[in-house]
């Protein structure tokens, strides 16, 4: 099975173990992450808008599929 390449709107696990949503893909290798807002730390990381690199990602755990596509 081939490894999924992260894309905008995917949910991924970072090499730090954090589960993150990819809000926006800025180029081939950089994304704006959504860490969530359940804790002050998560909200602070999300609001900081610090980019994550494809190299920071361990694996894709959820692939967003637009309606009408299988």
C-alpha atoms as a PDB file:
ATOM      1  CA  UNK A   1       0.000   0.000   0.000  1.00  0.00           C
ATOM      2  CA  UNK A   2       1.399   3.409  -0.929  1.00  0.00           C
ATOM      3  CA  UNK A   3       1.709   6.165   1.643  1.00  0.00           C
ATOM      4  CA  UNK A   4      -0.759   9.044   1.363  1.00  0.00           C
ATOM      5  CA  UNK A   5       0.705  12.438   0.520  1.00  0.00           C
ATOM      6  CA  UNK A   6      -0.798  15.096   2.838  1.00  0.00           C
ATOM      7  CA  UNK A   7      -3.253  17.512   1.240  1.00  0.00           C
ATOM      8  CA  UNK A   8      -5.377  20.467   2.343  1.00  0.00           C
ATOM      9  CA  UNK A   9      -8.248  19.421   4.680  1.00  0.00           C
ATOM     10  CA  UNK A  10      -6.573  16.153   5.755  1.00  0.00           C
ATOM     11  CA  UNK A  11      -6.085  15.211   9.396  1.00  0.00           C
ATOM     12  CA  UNK A  12      -2.549  14.082  10.185  1.00  0.00           C
ATOM     13  CA  UNK A  13      -0.374  12.899  13.048  1.00  0.00           C
ATOM     14  CA  UNK A  14       2.778  14.954  13.470  1.00  0.00           C
ATOM     15  CA  UNK A  15       6.093  13.411  14.460  1.00  0.00           C
ATOM     16  CA  UNK A  16       5.500  15.040  17.877  1.00  0.00           C
ATOM     17  CA  UNK A  17       2.396  12.828  18.267  1.00  0.00           C
ATOM     18  CA  UNK A  18      -0.080  15.700  17.902  1.00  0.00           C
ATOM     19  CA  UNK A  19      -3.216  15.246  15.774  1.00  0.00           C
ATOM     20  CA  UNK A  20      -3.626  18.254  13.461  1.00  0.00           C
ATOM     21  CA  UNK A  21      -5.983  19.367  10.701  1.00  0.00           C
ATOM     22  CA  UNK A  22      -4.441  20.911   7.602  1.00  0.00           C
ATOM     23  CA  UNK A  23      -6.420  24.099   6.957  1.00  0.00           C
ATOM     24  CA  UNK A  24      -4.605  25.489   3.964  1.00  0.00           C
ATOM     25  CA  UNK A  25      -1.851  24.241   1.673  1.00  0.00           C
ATOM     26  CA  UNK A  26       0.487  27.119   0.863  1.00  0.00           C
ATOM     27  CA  UNK A  27       2.842  25.290  -1.497  1.00  0.00           C
ATOM     28  CA  UNK A  28       4.007  21.748  -2.254  1.00  0.00           C
ATOM     29  CA  UNK A  29       5.393  21.178   1.253  1.00  0.00           C
ATOM     30  CA  UNK A  30       3.870  23.703   3.702  1.00  0.00           C
ATOM     31  CA  UNK A  31       0.488  23.871   5.446  1.00  0.00           C
ATOM     32  CA  UNK A  32      -1.363  26.058   7.943  1.00  0.00           C
ATOM     33  CA  UNK A  33      -2.271  23.719  10.807  1.00  0.00           C
ATOM     34  CA  UNK A  34      -5.404  23.576  12.973  1.00  0.00           C
ATOM     35  CA  UNK A  35      -4.437  22.146  16.368  1.00  0.00           C
ATOM     36  CA  UNK A  36      -7.948  22.687  17.734  1.00  0.00           C
ATOM     37  CA  UNK A  37      -9.247  24.882  20.546  1.00  0.00           C
ATOM     38  CA  UNK A  38     -10.047  22.357  23.289  1.00  0.00           C
ATOM     39  CA  UNK A  39      -7.123  23.546  25.434  1.00  0.00           C
ATOM     40  CA  UNK A  40      -5.431  26.934  25.726  1.00  0.00           C
ATOM     41  CA  UNK A  41      -2.237  25.382  24.318  1.00  0.00           C
ATOM     42  CA  UNK A  42      -4.033  24.081  21.221  1.00  0.00           C
ATOM     43  CA  UNK A  43      -5.773  27.401  20.649  1.00  0.00           C
ATOM     44  CA  UNK A  44      -2.479  29.289  21.048  1.00  0.00           C
ATOM     45  CA  UNK A  45      -0.732  27.056  18.479  1.00  0.00           C
ATOM     46  CA  UNK A  46      -3.615  27.404  16.012  1.00  0.00           C
ATOM     47  CA  UNK A  47      -3.788  31.188  16.395  1.00  0.00           C
ATOM     48  CA  UNK A  48       0.007  31.519  15.965  1.00  0.00           C
ATOM     49  CA  UNK A  49      -0.450  30.364  12.342  1.00  0.00           C
ATOM     50  CA  UNK A  50       3.016  28.782  12.321  1.00  0.00           C
ATOM     51  CA  UNK A  51       3.511  26.691   9.201  1.00  0.00           C
ATOM     52  CA  UNK A  52       4.200  22.973   9.339  1.00  0.00           C
ATOM     53  CA  UNK A  53       6.270  21.198   6.752  1.00  0.00           C
ATOM     54  CA  UNK A  54       5.491  17.908   5.078  1.00  0.00           C
ATOM     55  CA  UNK A  55       8.633  16.692   6.907  1.00  0.00           C
ATOM     56  CA  UNK A  56       6.859  17.304  10.260  1.00  0.00           C
ATOM     57  CA  UNK A  57       4.072  14.848   9.360  1.00  0.00           C
ATOM     58  CA  UNK A  58       4.212  11.208  10.441  1.00  0.00           C
ATOM     59  CA  UNK A  59       1.063   9.979   8.649  1.00  0.00           C
ATOM     60  CA  UNK A  60      -2.335  10.926   7.232  1.00  0.00           C
ATOM     61  CA  UNK A  61      -5.174   9.578   9.395  1.00  0.00           C
ATOM     62  CA  UNK A  62      -8.162  11.100   7.570  1.00  0.00           C
ATOM     63  CA  UNK A  63      -8.584  12.137   3.948  1.00  0.00           C
ATOM     64  CA  UNK A  64     -11.289  14.711   3.210  1.00  0.00           C
ATOM     65  CA  UNK A  65     -13.455  13.790   0.218  1.00  0.00           C
ATOM     66  CA  UNK A  66     -15.729  16.451  -1.260  1.00  0.00           C
ATOM     67  CA  UNK A  67     -19.408  15.467  -1.591  1.00  0.00           C
ATOM     68  CA  UNK A  68     -20.195  13.523  -4.732  1.00  0.00           C
ATOM     69  CA  UNK A  69     -16.738  11.952  -5.009  1.00  0.00           C
ATOM     70  CA  UNK A  70     -15.792   8.437  -3.991  1.00  0.00           C
END
